[in-house]
Amino acid sequence: MTSEQVIDRPTAQPRRREVVVSGRRVKVVDMHAHCSVPEAQALMSGRARRGDSQSTLPLGSVQGRLANMDQQGIDVEALSINPYWYEADPDLAGQVITLQNEKLADFVQTERERFVALASVALQHPELAAEQLETGMKKYGLKGALIGGSVNGQELADPRFHPFWAKAEELQAVIFIHPQGTPELESRLQGNGGLTNTIGNPLETTIALSHLIFEGTLDRFPGLKILAAHGGGYLPSYAHRSDAVCTTFPDRYKPLKKNPTEYLKQLYFDSLVFTPEALRHLVAEAGVSQVVLGTDYPYPWTSTAVDHVLNTPDLSDEDRVAILGGTAAKLLRLDT
């Protein structure tokens, strides 16, 4: 087990939890933290649909956000916004994205030690999205982008999105895939249990990643830095069926450069799985270098993400340091 402790700061501020592993102070980075820009939402004039981020905390709610981070032991949040603009035309989408990215950049500058941000992009217009990603990173200092698991029913592996993927690879951008639901299945996901979220969200991520693998997108763009929400959905839990289908039904499989399961080590996954065994298995399937901390803040799926990593058996202290922040710091280039 790890030697973790809480250190009091000699100030009048509430106690801030500082995580120490084997005598080493760890910079803890949360890669999955939502926010919203109400001014940008207003531009949509009520046209926000699935994926609407209005239930997340506005950027201005900084004191409550910092207090929550301090309590949990999170030093840096990578802020991102779920896309609600995929039905907007290029002009409207351009206005929404520009305003959001400007606000994100301005906010990050006010708390540079505690926040970074991922850009918004209008992926329904791939060439525009590529331009927005480049502007977001080069002009505003954003670290990548959040995108949905599909775009108006189109898979992310569709060739029309190649210009965006090419730009993301060129810029070494972190591309966080966050599901927006599976409307095609809504009739079957009605009823008790909130299944549109409980099952639908991880299912969308599973479908998106599987297409990116089997359609050869990850072969075409091997330098992509794709981060999948919620532990990658169901894919890491049952990935070897993807290998088995290649021999069981060879007529349904176009050969790739490597076995489907090997692409898991080319992807990144957040730690938002719900038991120590699930986290251990995710690490076993993808490799510890591919797992980063994620809380899904402000949604209360977990308030113990740090302890989840610290208390998972079979992880070494080096593993814990990597998951808590070491890998994320490299992905986000926090020291550059």
C-alpha atoms as a PDB file:
ATOM      1  CA  MET A   1       0.000   0.000   0.000  1.00  0.00           C
ATOM      2  CA  THR A   2       0.990   3.609  -0.456  1.00  0.00           C
ATOM      3  CA  SER A   3       2.190   6.114   2.099  1.00  0.00           C
ATOM      4  CA  GLU A   4      -0.414   8.829   1.469  1.00  0.00           C
ATOM      5  CA  GLN A   5      -0.957  11.697   3.849  1.00  0.00           C
ATOM      6  CA  VAL A   6      -2.680  15.050   4.201  1.00  0.00           C
ATOM      7  CA  ILE A   7      -0.574  18.150   4.792  1.00  0.00           C
ATOM      8  CA  ASP A   8      -1.968  21.340   6.300  1.00  0.00           C
ATOM      9  CA  ARG A   9      -0.981  24.649   4.725  1.00  0.00           C
ATOM     10  CA  PRO A  10      -0.074  27.405   7.231  1.00  0.00           C
ATOM     11  CA  THR A  11      -2.860  29.722   6.033  1.00  0.00           C
ATOM     12  CA  ALA A  12      -6.353  30.661   7.073  1.00  0.00           C
ATOM     13  CA  GLN A  13      -7.759  28.812   4.068  1.00  0.00           C
ATOM     14  CA  PRO A  14      -9.479  25.426   4.513  1.00  0.00           C
ATOM     15  CA  ARG A  15      -7.133  22.493   4.577  1.00  0.00           C
ATOM     16  CA  ARG A  16      -5.979  21.355   1.132  1.00  0.00           C
ATOM     17  CA  ARG A  17      -5.294  17.685   0.716  1.00  0.00           C
ATOM     18  CA  GLU A  18      -1.856  17.000  -0.721  1.00  0.00           C
ATOM     19  CA  VAL A  19      -1.211  13.491  -1.976  1.00  0.00           C
ATOM     20  CA  VAL A  20       2.163  11.926  -1.243  1.00  0.00           C
ATOM     21  CA  VAL A  21       3.218   8.511  -2.541  1.00  0.00           C
ATOM     22  CA  SER A  22       6.412   6.947  -1.164  1.00  0.00           C
ATOM     23  CA  GLY A  23       7.542  10.310   0.103  1.00  0.00           C
ATOM     24  CA  ARG A  24       6.899  12.014  -3.221  1.00  0.00           C
ATOM     25  CA  ARG A  25       4.377  14.821  -3.586  1.00  0.00           C
ATOM     26  CA  VAL A  26       2.162  13.918  -6.541  1.00  0.00           C
ATOM     27  CA  LYS A  27       0.538  16.533  -8.770  1.00  0.00           C
ATOM     28  CA  VAL A  28      -2.925  15.003  -9.190  1.00  0.00           C
ATOM     29  CA  VAL A  29      -4.598  15.779 -12.523  1.00  0.00           C
ATOM     30  CA  ASP A  30      -8.300  15.220 -13.226  1.00  0.00           C
ATOM     31  CA  MET A  31      -8.751  14.676 -16.964  1.00  0.00           C
ATOM     32  CA  HIS A  32     -12.557  14.457 -16.843  1.00  0.00           C
ATOM     33  CA  ALA A  33     -14.108  17.651 -15.457  1.00  0.00           C
ATOM     34  CA  HIS A  34     -17.087  19.386 -17.037  1.00  0.00           C
ATOM     35  CA  CYS A  35     -18.006  23.053 -17.184  1.00  0.00           C
ATOM     36  CA  SER A  36     -20.206  25.353 -19.242  1.00  0.00           C
ATOM     37  CA  VAL A  37     -20.225  28.814 -20.807  1.00  0.00           C
ATOM     38  CA  PRO A  38     -23.782  30.174 -20.489  1.00  0.00           C
ATOM     39  CA  GLU A  39     -23.108  33.015 -22.940  1.00  0.00           C
ATOM     40  CA  ALA A  40     -22.276  30.482 -25.647  1.00  0.00           C
ATOM     41  CA  GLN A  41     -25.301  28.378 -24.817  1.00  0.00           C
ATOM     42  CA  ALA A  42     -27.470  31.452 -25.245  1.00  0.00           C
ATOM     43  CA  LEU A  43     -26.242  31.798 -28.829  1.00  0.00           C
ATOM     44  CA  MET A  44     -27.874  28.491 -29.632  1.00  0.00           C
ATOM     45  CA  SER A  45     -31.276  30.090 -28.849  1.00  0.00           C
ATOM     46  CA  GLY A  46     -32.695  26.972 -27.284  1.00  0.00           C
ATOM     47  CA  ARG A  47     -31.425  24.664 -30.005  1.00  0.00           C
ATOM     48  CA  ALA A  48     -29.206  22.665 -27.645  1.00  0.00           C
ATOM     49  CA  ARG A  49     -30.202  19.014 -27.779  1.00  0.00           C
ATOM     50  CA  ARG A  50     -28.601  15.808 -26.490  1.00  0.00           C
ATOM     51  CA  GLY A  51     -25.250  16.419 -24.854  1.00  0.00           C
ATOM     52  CA  ASP A  52     -26.519  19.795 -23.582  1.00  0.00           C
ATOM     53  CA  SER A  53     -24.074  21.014 -20.933  1.00  0.00           C
ATOM     54  CA  GLN A  54     -26.485  23.348 -19.153  1.00  0.00           C
ATOM     55  CA  SER A  55     -26.569  21.112 -16.080  1.00  0.00           C
ATOM     56  CA  THR A  56     -22.817  21.490 -15.525  1.00  0.00           C
ATOM     57  CA  LEU A  57     -21.192  24.205 -13.480  1.00  0.00           C
ATOM     58  CA  PRO A  58     -20.485  27.505 -15.227  1.00  0.00           C
ATOM     59  CA  LEU A  59     -16.872  28.582 -15.348  1.00  0.00           C
ATOM     60  CA  GLY A  60     -17.587  31.333 -12.845  1.00  0.00           C
ATOM     61  CA  SER A  61     -18.327  28.837 -10.055  1.00  0.00           C
ATOM     62  CA  VAL A  62     -14.667  28.790  -9.203  1.00  0.00           C
ATOM     63  CA  GLN A  63     -14.703  28.845  -5.406  1.00  0.00           C
ATOM     64  CA  GLY A  64     -16.912  25.800  -5.070  1.00  0.00           C
ATOM     65  CA  ARG A  65     -14.884  23.996  -7.705  1.00  0.00           C
ATOM     66  CA  LEU A  66     -11.587  24.775  -5.993  1.00  0.00           C
ATOM     67  CA  ALA A  67     -12.961  23.734  -2.616  1.00  0.00           C
ATOM     68  CA  ASN A  68     -14.036  20.413  -4.061  1.00  0.00           C
ATOM     69  CA  MET A  69     -10.647  19.908  -5.686  1.00  0.00           C
ATOM     70  CA  ASP A  70      -8.859  20.757  -2.430  1.00  0.00           C
ATOM     71  CA  GLN A  71     -10.983  18.293  -0.500  1.00  0.00           C
ATOM     72  CA  GLN A  72     -10.381  15.451  -2.944  1.00  0.00           C
ATOM     73  CA  GLY A  73      -6.686  16.166  -3.412  1.00  0.00           C
ATOM     74  CA  ILE A  74      -6.883  17.244  -7.051  1.00  0.00           C
ATOM     75  CA  ASP A  75      -4.326  19.841  -8.060  1.00  0.00           C
ATOM     76  CA  VAL A  76      -5.269  20.409 -11.698  1.00  0.00           C
ATOM     77  CA  GLU A  77      -8.522  20.001 -13.623  1.00  0.00           C
ATOM     78  CA  ALA A  78      -8.623  19.683 -17.391  1.00  0.00           C
ATOM     79  CA  LEU A  79     -11.886  21.482 -18.157  1.00  0.00           C
ATOM     80  CA  SER A  80     -14.064  20.474 -21.087  1.00  0.00           C
ATOM     81  CA  ILE A  81     -17.577  21.026 -22.451  1.00  0.00           C
ATOM     82  CA  ASN A  82     -19.937  18.378 -23.798  1.00  0.00           C
ATOM     83  CA  PRO A  83     -20.997  19.262 -27.380  1.00  0.00           C
ATOM     84  CA  TYR A  84     -24.540  20.551 -27.750  1.00  0.00           C
ATOM     85  CA  TRP A  85     -23.866  22.348 -31.056  1.00  0.00           C
ATOM     86  CA  TYR A  86     -23.568  19.499 -33.572  1.00  0.00           C
ATOM     87  CA  GLU A  87     -26.712  20.584 -35.404  1.00  0.00           C
ATOM     88  CA  ALA A  88     -25.557  24.182 -35.883  1.00  0.00           C
ATOM     89  CA  ASP A  89     -24.637  25.581 -39.302  1.00  0.00           C
ATOM     90  CA  PRO A  90     -21.045  26.739 -39.862  1.00  0.00           C
ATOM     91  CA  ASP A  91     -21.720  30.385 -39.004  1.00  0.00           C
ATOM     92  CA  LEU A  92     -23.525  29.697 -35.737  1.00  0.00           C
ATOM     93  CA  ALA A  93     -21.127  26.914 -34.807  1.00  0.00           C
ATOM     94  CA  GLY A  94     -18.216  29.268 -35.413  1.00  0.00           C
ATOM     95  CA  GLN A  95     -19.675  31.882 -33.075  1.00  0.00           C
ATOM     96  CA  VAL A  96     -20.408  29.345 -30.332  1.00  0.00           C
ATOM     97  CA  ILE A  97     -16.982  27.725 -30.520  1.00  0.00           C
ATOM     98  CA  THR A  98     -15.055  30.988 -30.645  1.00  0.00           C
ATOM     99  CA  LEU A  99     -16.877  32.354 -27.610  1.00  0.00           C
ATOM    100  CA  GLN A 100     -16.456  29.152 -25.627  1.00  0.00           C
ATOM    101  CA  ASN A 101     -12.769  28.777 -26.387  1.00  0.00           C
ATOM    102  CA  GLU A 102     -12.086  32.428 -25.573  1.00  0.00           C
ATOM    103  CA  LYS A 103     -13.895  32.078 -22.238  1.00  0.00           C
ATOM    104  CA  LEU A 104     -12.070  28.847 -21.433  1.00  0.00           C
ATOM    105  CA  ALA A 105      -8.722  30.468 -22.175  1.00  0.00           C
ATOM    106  CA  ASP A 106      -9.530  33.564 -20.118  1.00  0.00           C
ATOM    107  CA  PHE A 107     -10.647  31.457 -17.171  1.00  0.00           C
ATOM    108  CA  VAL A 108      -7.568  29.260 -17.235  1.00  0.00           C
ATOM    109  CA  GLN A 109      -5.370  32.370 -17.118  1.00  0.00           C
ATOM    110  CA  THR A 110      -6.988  33.437 -13.848  1.00  0.00           C
ATOM    111  CA  GLU A 111      -6.046  30.147 -12.137  1.00  0.00           C
ATOM    112  CA  ARG A 112      -3.078  28.921 -14.141  1.00  0.00           C
ATOM    113  CA  GLU A 113      -1.837  26.600 -11.425  1.00  0.00           C
ATOM    114  CA  ARG A 114      -5.149  24.780 -11.076  1.00  0.00           C
ATOM    115  CA  PHE A 115      -6.756  24.571 -14.514  1.00  0.00           C
ATOM    116  CA  VAL A 116      -6.086  23.719 -18.116  1.00  0.00           C
ATOM    117  CA  ALA A 117      -8.763  23.287 -20.757  1.00  0.00           C
ATOM    118  CA  LEU A 118      -9.702  21.319 -23.845  1.00  0.00           C
ATOM    119  CA  ALA A 119     -11.158  23.214 -26.781  1.00  0.00           C
ATOM    120  CA  SER A 120     -14.606  22.884 -28.262  1.00  0.00           C
ATOM    121  CA  VAL A 121     -14.818  22.099 -31.990  1.00  0.00           C
ATOM    122  CA  ALA A 122     -17.699  21.926 -34.490  1.00  0.00           C
ATOM    123  CA  LEU A 123     -16.977  18.381 -35.626  1.00  0.00           C
ATOM    124  CA  GLN A 124     -20.069  18.326 -37.853  1.00  0.00           C
ATOM    125  CA  HIS A 125     -17.936  20.524 -40.123  1.00  0.00           C
ATOM    126  CA  PRO A 126     -14.607  18.625 -40.071  1.00  0.00           C
ATOM    127  CA  GLU A 127     -12.433  21.167 -41.897  1.00  0.00           C
ATOM    128  CA  LEU A 128     -13.749  23.930 -39.638  1.00  0.00           C
ATOM    129  CA  ALA A 129     -13.153  21.730 -36.600  1.00  0.00           C
ATOM    130  CA  ALA A 130      -9.544  21.234 -37.656  1.00  0.00           C
ATOM    131  CA  GLU A 131      -9.100  25.004 -37.894  1.00  0.00           C
ATOM    132  CA  GLN A 132     -10.772  25.518 -34.515  1.00  0.00           C
ATOM    133  CA  LEU A 133      -8.503  22.931 -32.912  1.00  0.00           C
ATOM    134  CA  GLU A 134      -5.409  24.645 -34.276  1.00  0.00           C
ATOM    135  CA  THR A 135      -6.637  28.078 -33.192  1.00  0.00           C
ATOM    136  CA  GLY A 136      -7.601  26.766 -29.780  1.00  0.00           C
ATOM    137  CA  MET A 137      -4.169  25.318 -29.162  1.00  0.00           C
ATOM    138  CA  LYS A 138      -1.918  27.881 -30.835  1.00  0.00           C
ATOM    139  CA  LYS A 139      -3.819  31.088 -30.041  1.00  0.00           C
ATOM    140  CA  TYR A 140      -5.566  30.242 -26.781  1.00  0.00           C
ATOM    141  CA  GLY A 141      -3.189  27.703 -25.254  1.00  0.00           C
ATOM    142  CA  LEU A 142      -5.781  24.935 -24.981  1.00  0.00           C
ATOM    143  CA  LYS A 143      -4.516  21.363 -24.793  1.00  0.00           C
ATOM    144  CA  GLY A 144      -6.716  19.489 -27.243  1.00  0.00           C
ATOM    145  CA  ALA A 145     -10.464  19.034 -27.616  1.00  0.00           C
ATOM    146  CA  LEU A 146     -13.482  17.160 -26.329  1.00  0.00           C
ATOM    147  CA  ILE A 147     -15.667  15.506 -28.968  1.00  0.00           C
ATOM    148  CA  GLY A 148     -18.762  13.336 -28.813  1.00  0.00           C
ATOM    149  CA  GLY A 149     -18.785   9.619 -29.513  1.00  0.00           C
ATOM    150  CA  SER A 150     -20.601  10.219 -32.787  1.00  0.00           C
ATOM    151  CA  VAL A 151     -21.724  13.211 -34.815  1.00  0.00           C
ATOM    152  CA  ASN A 152     -25.359  13.323 -35.891  1.00  0.00           C
ATOM    153  CA  GLY A 153     -25.367   9.559 -36.347  1.00  0.00           C
ATOM    154  CA  GLN A 154     -22.019   9.398 -38.157  1.00  0.00           C
ATOM    155  CA  GLU A 155     -19.152   7.387 -36.730  1.00  0.00           C
ATOM    156  CA  LEU A 156     -15.898   9.116 -35.855  1.00  0.00           C
ATOM    157  CA  ALA A 157     -14.124   6.638 -38.146  1.00  0.00           C
ATOM    158  CA  ASP A 158     -15.977   7.963 -41.200  1.00  0.00           C
ATOM    159  CA  PRO A 159     -13.452   9.252 -43.772  1.00  0.00           C
ATOM    160  CA  ARG A 160     -15.099  12.674 -43.728  1.00  0.00           C
ATOM    161  CA  PHE A 161     -13.468  13.222 -40.327  1.00  0.00           C
ATOM    162  CA  HIS A 162      -9.956  12.446 -41.575  1.00  0.00           C
ATOM    163  CA  PRO A 163      -9.037  16.154 -41.866  1.00  0.00           C
ATOM    164  CA  PHE A 164      -9.757  16.578 -38.177  1.00  0.00           C
ATOM    165  CA  TRP A 165      -7.821  13.484 -37.170  1.00  0.00           C
ATOM    166  CA  ALA A 166      -4.889  14.542 -39.327  1.00  0.00           C
ATOM    167  CA  LYS A 167      -4.758  17.930 -37.622  1.00  0.00           C
ATOM    168  CA  ALA A 168      -5.095  16.365 -34.159  1.00  0.00           C
ATOM    169  CA  GLU A 169      -2.169  14.073 -34.890  1.00  0.00           C
ATOM    170  CA  GLU A 170      -0.087  16.945 -36.261  1.00  0.00           C
ATOM    171  CA  LEU A 171      -0.716  19.080 -33.173  1.00  0.00           C
ATOM    172  CA  GLN A 172      -0.270  16.209 -30.688  1.00  0.00           C
ATOM    173  CA  ALA A 173      -3.643  17.204 -29.306  1.00  0.00           C
ATOM    174  CA  VAL A 174      -5.390  15.270 -26.564  1.00  0.00           C
ATOM    175  CA  ILE A 175      -8.775  14.275 -28.008  1.00  0.00           C
ATOM    176  CA  PHE A 176     -11.189  13.335 -25.247  1.00  0.00           C
ATOM    177  CA  ILE A 177     -14.093  11.225 -26.534  1.00  0.00           C
ATOM    178  CA  HIS A 178     -17.099  11.719 -24.289  1.00  0.00           C
ATOM    179  CA  PRO A 179     -20.390   9.999 -25.127  1.00  0.00           C
ATOM    180  CA  GLN A 180     -23.544  11.999 -25.775  1.00  0.00           C
ATOM    181  CA  GLY A 181     -25.951   9.055 -25.693  1.00  0.00           C
ATOM    182  CA  THR A 182     -27.308   6.628 -28.269  1.00  0.00           C
ATOM    183  CA  PRO A 183     -30.573   8.089 -29.613  1.00  0.00           C
ATOM    184  CA  GLU A 184     -30.960   5.164 -32.001  1.00  0.00           C
ATOM    185  CA  LEU A 185     -31.561   2.952 -28.943  1.00  0.00           C
ATOM    186  CA  GLU A 186     -33.664   5.314 -26.839  1.00  0.00           C
ATOM    187  CA  SER A 187     -36.859   3.305 -27.324  1.00  0.00           C
ATOM    188  CA  ARG A 188     -35.146   0.281 -25.766  1.00  0.00           C
ATOM    189  CA  LEU A 189     -33.478   2.244 -22.989  1.00  0.00           C
ATOM    190  CA  GLN A 190     -36.620   3.732 -21.489  1.00  0.00           C
ATOM    191  CA  GLY A 191     -37.838   2.848 -17.997  1.00  0.00           C
ATOM    192  CA  ASN A 192     -36.260   2.464 -14.595  1.00  0.00           C
ATOM    193  CA  GLY A 193     -32.525   2.870 -14.090  1.00  0.00           C
ATOM    194  CA  GLY A 194     -31.721   5.784 -16.389  1.00  0.00           C
ATOM    195  CA  LEU A 195     -30.462   3.341 -18.989  1.00  0.00           C
ATOM    196  CA  THR A 196     -29.878   6.003 -21.626  1.00  0.00           C
ATOM    197  CA  ASN A 197     -26.979   7.058 -19.406  1.00  0.00           C
ATOM    198  CA  THR A 198     -26.226   3.912 -17.387  1.00  0.00           C
ATOM    199  CA  ILE A 199     -25.873   1.687 -20.449  1.00  0.00           C
ATOM    200  CA  GLY A 200     -26.132   4.113 -23.356  1.00  0.00           C
ATOM    201  CA  ASN A 201     -23.131   6.288 -22.561  1.00  0.00           C
ATOM    202  CA  PRO A 202     -20.524   3.526 -22.155  1.00  0.00           C
ATOM    203  CA  LEU A 203     -22.056   1.703 -25.115  1.00  0.00           C
ATOM    204  CA  GLU A 204     -21.541   4.727 -27.375  1.00  0.00           C
ATOM    205  CA  THR A 205     -17.888   4.919 -26.381  1.00  0.00           C
ATOM    206  CA  THR A 206     -17.484   1.194 -27.043  1.00  0.00           C
ATOM    207  CA  ILE A 207     -18.976   1.563 -30.521  1.00  0.00           C
ATOM    208  CA  ALA A 208     -16.877   4.634 -31.333  1.00  0.00           C
ATOM    209  CA  LEU A 209     -13.585   3.027 -30.278  1.00  0.00           C
ATOM    210  CA  SER A 210     -14.392  -0.228 -32.046  1.00  0.00           C
ATOM    211  CA  HIS A 211     -14.999   1.585 -35.324  1.00  0.00           C
ATOM    212  CA  LEU A 212     -11.787   3.587 -34.946  1.00  0.00           C
ATOM    213  CA  ILE A 213      -9.946   0.285 -34.576  1.00  0.00           C
ATOM    214  CA  PHE A 214     -11.683  -1.843 -37.201  1.00  0.00           C
ATOM    215  CA  GLU A 215     -12.013   0.872 -39.859  1.00  0.00           C
ATOM    216  CA  GLY A 216      -8.274   1.504 -39.713  1.00  0.00           C
ATOM    217  CA  THR A 217      -8.382   5.050 -38.361  1.00  0.00           C
ATOM    218  CA  LEU A 218      -5.769   4.243 -35.740  1.00  0.00           C
ATOM    219  CA  ASP A 219      -3.572   2.695 -38.428  1.00  0.00           C
ATOM    220  CA  ARG A 220      -3.915   5.771 -40.624  1.00  0.00           C
ATOM    221  CA  PHE A 221      -3.195   8.148 -37.714  1.00  0.00           C
ATOM    222  CA  PRO A 222      -0.995   6.175 -35.294  1.00  0.00           C
ATOM    223  CA  GLY A 223       0.156   9.271 -33.420  1.00  0.00           C
ATOM    224  CA  LEU A 224      -3.289  10.210 -32.147  1.00  0.00           C
ATOM    225  CA  LYS A 225      -3.696  10.805 -28.419  1.00  0.00           C
ATOM    226  CA  ILE A 226      -7.277   9.667 -27.837  1.00  0.00           C
ATOM    227  CA  LEU A 227      -8.655   9.570 -24.288  1.00  0.00           C
ATOM    228  CA  ALA A 228     -11.887   7.615 -23.745  1.00  0.00           C
ATOM    229  CA  ALA A 229     -14.286   8.513 -20.946  1.00  0.00           C
ATOM    230  CA  HIS A 230     -15.653   6.129 -18.322  1.00  0.00           C
ATOM    231  CA  GLY A 231     -12.823   3.636 -18.635  1.00  0.00           C
ATOM    232  CA  GLY A 232     -13.446   3.249 -22.353  1.00  0.00           C
ATOM    233  CA  GLY A 233     -16.960   1.919 -21.906  1.00  0.00           C
ATOM    234  CA  TYR A 234     -17.237  -1.832 -22.289  1.00  0.00           C
ATOM    235  CA  LEU A 235     -14.381  -2.350 -24.735  1.00  0.00           C
ATOM    236  CA  PRO A 236     -11.532  -3.090 -22.279  1.00  0.00           C
ATOM    237  CA  SER A 237     -13.763  -5.523 -20.373  1.00  0.00           C
ATOM    238  CA  TYR A 238     -14.422  -7.728 -23.396  1.00  0.00           C
ATOM    239  CA  ALA A 239     -11.735  -6.734 -25.862  1.00  0.00           C
ATOM    240  CA  HIS A 240     -10.549 -10.226 -26.719  1.00  0.00           C
ATOM    241  CA  ARG A 241     -13.815 -10.968 -28.501  1.00  0.00           C
ATOM    242  CA  SER A 242     -12.575  -8.381 -31.019  1.00  0.00           C
ATOM    243  CA  ASP A 243      -9.547 -10.596 -31.647  1.00  0.00           C
ATOM    244  CA  ALA A 244     -11.648 -13.754 -31.790  1.00  0.00           C
ATOM    245  CA  VAL A 245     -13.997 -12.415 -34.468  1.00  0.00           C
ATOM    246  CA  CYS A 246     -11.069 -12.163 -36.873  1.00  0.00           C
ATOM    247  CA  THR A 247     -10.754 -15.957 -36.971  1.00  0.00           C
ATOM    248  CA  THR A 248     -14.346 -16.898 -36.166  1.00  0.00           C
ATOM    249  CA  PHE A 249     -15.800 -14.807 -38.996  1.00  0.00           C
ATOM    250  CA  PRO A 250     -12.865 -13.959 -41.283  1.00  0.00           C
ATOM    251  CA  ASP A 251     -15.257 -12.874 -44.032  1.00  0.00           C
ATOM    252  CA  ARG A 252     -16.340  -9.962 -41.797  1.00  0.00           C
ATOM    253  CA  TYR A 253     -12.831  -8.772 -41.040  1.00  0.00           C
ATOM    254  CA  LYS A 254     -10.481  -6.673 -43.144  1.00  0.00           C
ATOM    255  CA  PRO A 255      -6.928  -7.188 -41.812  1.00  0.00           C
ATOM    256  CA  LEU A 256      -5.364  -4.469 -39.712  1.00  0.00           C
ATOM    257  CA  LYS A 257      -1.717  -3.800 -38.916  1.00  0.00           C
ATOM    258  CA  LYS A 258      -2.072  -5.622 -35.587  1.00  0.00           C
ATOM    259  CA  ASN A 259      -4.602  -7.498 -33.504  1.00  0.00           C
ATOM    260  CA  PRO A 260      -7.565  -5.388 -32.343  1.00  0.00           C
ATOM    261  CA  THR A 261      -6.656  -5.726 -28.658  1.00  0.00           C
ATOM    262  CA  GLU A 262      -3.222  -4.243 -29.302  1.00  0.00           C
ATOM    263  CA  TYR A 263      -4.827  -0.885 -30.122  1.00  0.00           C
ATOM    264  CA  LEU A 264      -5.883  -0.541 -26.481  1.00  0.00           C
ATOM    265  CA  LYS A 265      -2.241   0.275 -25.769  1.00  0.00           C
ATOM    266  CA  GLN A 266      -2.532   3.091 -28.320  1.00  0.00           C
ATOM    267  CA  LEU A 267      -5.508   4.660 -26.507  1.00  0.00           C
ATOM    268  CA  TYR A 268      -5.923   6.322 -23.110  1.00  0.00           C
ATOM    269  CA  PHE A 269      -8.697   5.678 -20.603  1.00  0.00           C
ATOM    270  CA  ASP A 270      -9.903   7.521 -17.533  1.00  0.00           C
ATOM    271  CA  SER A 271     -10.170   5.762 -14.186  1.00  0.00           C
ATOM    272  CA  LEU A 272     -13.940   6.184 -13.810  1.00  0.00           C
ATOM    273  CA  VAL A 273     -14.720   2.548 -13.166  1.00  0.00           C
ATOM    274  CA  PHE A 274     -16.343   1.575  -9.936  1.00  0.00           C
ATOM    275  CA  THR A 275     -14.383  -1.158  -8.166  1.00  0.00           C
ATOM    276  CA  PRO A 276     -10.719  -1.908  -7.481  1.00  0.00           C
ATOM    277  CA  GLU A 277     -11.045  -5.051  -9.608  1.00  0.00           C
ATOM    278  CA  ALA A 278     -12.377  -3.012 -12.547  1.00  0.00           C
ATOM    279  CA  LEU A 279      -9.426  -0.624 -12.307  1.00  0.00           C
ATOM    280  CA  ARG A 280      -6.958  -3.496 -11.946  1.00  0.00           C
ATOM    281  CA  HIS A 281      -8.439  -5.154 -15.044  1.00  0.00           C
ATOM    282  CA  LEU A 282      -8.354  -1.923 -17.058  1.00  0.00           C
ATOM    283  CA  VAL A 283      -4.667  -1.540 -16.226  1.00  0.00           C
ATOM    284  CA  ALA A 284      -4.032  -5.184 -17.099  1.00  0.00           C
ATOM    285  CA  GLU A 285      -5.699  -4.842 -20.513  1.00  0.00           C
ATOM    286  CA  ALA A 286      -4.478  -1.395 -21.579  1.00  0.00           C
ATOM    287  CA  GLY A 287      -1.281  -0.938 -19.589  1.00  0.00           C
ATOM    288  CA  VAL A 288      -0.769   1.402 -16.668  1.00  0.00           C
ATOM    289  CA  SER A 289       0.732   4.019 -18.989  1.00  0.00           C
ATOM    290  CA  GLN A 290      -2.680   4.384 -20.674  1.00  0.00           C
ATOM    291  CA  VAL A 291      -4.825   5.144 -17.598  1.00  0.00           C
ATOM    292  CA  VAL A 292      -5.410   8.610 -16.114  1.00  0.00           C
ATOM    293  CA  LEU A 293      -7.547   9.974 -13.304  1.00  0.00           C
ATOM    294  CA  GLY A 294     -11.089  11.068 -14.149  1.00  0.00           C
ATOM    295  CA  THR A 295     -13.906  12.214 -11.854  1.00  0.00           C
ATOM    296  CA  ASP A 296     -16.711  13.402 -14.193  1.00  0.00           C
ATOM    297  CA  TYR A 297     -17.074  16.463 -11.949  1.00  0.00           C
ATOM    298  CA  PRO A 298     -19.577  17.936 -11.110  1.00  0.00           C
ATOM    299  CA  TYR A 299     -21.644  14.789 -11.606  1.00  0.00           C
ATOM    300  CA  PRO A 300     -21.496  12.829  -8.325  1.00  0.00           C
ATOM    301  CA  TRP A 301     -20.433   9.464  -9.711  1.00  0.00           C
ATOM    302  CA  THR A 302     -17.503   9.579  -7.319  1.00  0.00           C
ATOM    303  CA  SER A 303     -15.944  11.801  -4.679  1.00  0.00           C
ATOM    304  CA  THR A 304     -13.165   9.330  -3.932  1.00  0.00           C
ATOM    305  CA  ALA A 305     -11.323   9.065  -7.262  1.00  0.00           C
ATOM    306  CA  VAL A 306      -7.926   9.613  -5.640  1.00  0.00           C
ATOM    307  CA  ASP A 307      -8.527   6.984  -2.965  1.00  0.00           C
ATOM    308  CA  HIS A 308      -9.782   4.597  -5.647  1.00  0.00           C
ATOM    309  CA  VAL A 309      -6.317   4.689  -7.196  1.00  0.00           C
ATOM    310  CA  LEU A 310      -4.434   4.699  -3.890  1.00  0.00           C
ATOM    311  CA  ASN A 311      -6.333   1.700  -2.530  1.00  0.00           C
ATOM    312  CA  THR A 312      -6.467  -0.576  -5.586  1.00  0.00           C
ATOM    313  CA  PRO A 313      -4.410  -3.694  -4.829  1.00  0.00           C
ATOM    314  CA  ASP A 314      -1.629  -4.873  -7.132  1.00  0.00           C
ATOM    315  CA  LEU A 315      -0.722  -1.348  -8.248  1.00  0.00           C
ATOM    316  CA  SER A 316       2.829  -0.301  -7.455  1.00  0.00           C
ATOM    317  CA  ASP A 317       3.575   3.166  -6.138  1.00  0.00           C
ATOM    318  CA  GLU A 318       4.971   3.991  -9.579  1.00  0.00           C
ATOM    319  CA  ASP A 319       1.664   2.890 -11.093  1.00  0.00           C
ATOM    320  CA  ARG A 320      -0.264   5.121  -8.691  1.00  0.00           C
ATOM    321  CA  VAL A 321       1.897   8.133  -9.489  1.00  0.00           C
ATOM    322  CA  ALA A 322       1.367   7.579 -13.215  1.00  0.00           C
ATOM    323  CA  ILE A 323      -2.417   7.248 -12.943  1.00  0.00           C
ATOM    324  CA  LEU A 324      -2.871  10.088 -10.468  1.00  0.00           C
ATOM    325  CA  GLY A 325      -1.063  12.621 -12.601  1.00  0.00           C
ATOM    326  CA  GLY A 326       2.199  11.557 -14.190  1.00  0.00           C
ATOM    327  CA  THR A 327       0.726  10.377 -17.474  1.00  0.00           C
ATOM    328  CA  ALA A 328      -1.741  13.251 -17.695  1.00  0.00           C
ATOM    329  CA  ALA A 329       1.031  15.799 -17.140  1.00  0.00           C
ATOM    330  CA  LYS A 330       2.899  14.353 -20.107  1.00  0.00           C
ATOM    331  CA  LEU A 331      -0.202  14.266 -22.306  1.00  0.00           C
ATOM    332  CA  LEU A 332      -1.098  17.858 -21.465  1.00  0.00           C
ATOM    333  CA  ARG A 333       2.533  19.014 -21.533  1.00  0.00           C
ATOM    334  CA  LEU A 334       2.024  20.789 -18.238  1.00  0.00           C
ATOM    335  CA  ASP A 335       5.695  21.614 -17.851  1.00  0.00           C
ATOM    336  CA  THR A 336       6.049  23.263 -21.269  1.00  0.00           C
END
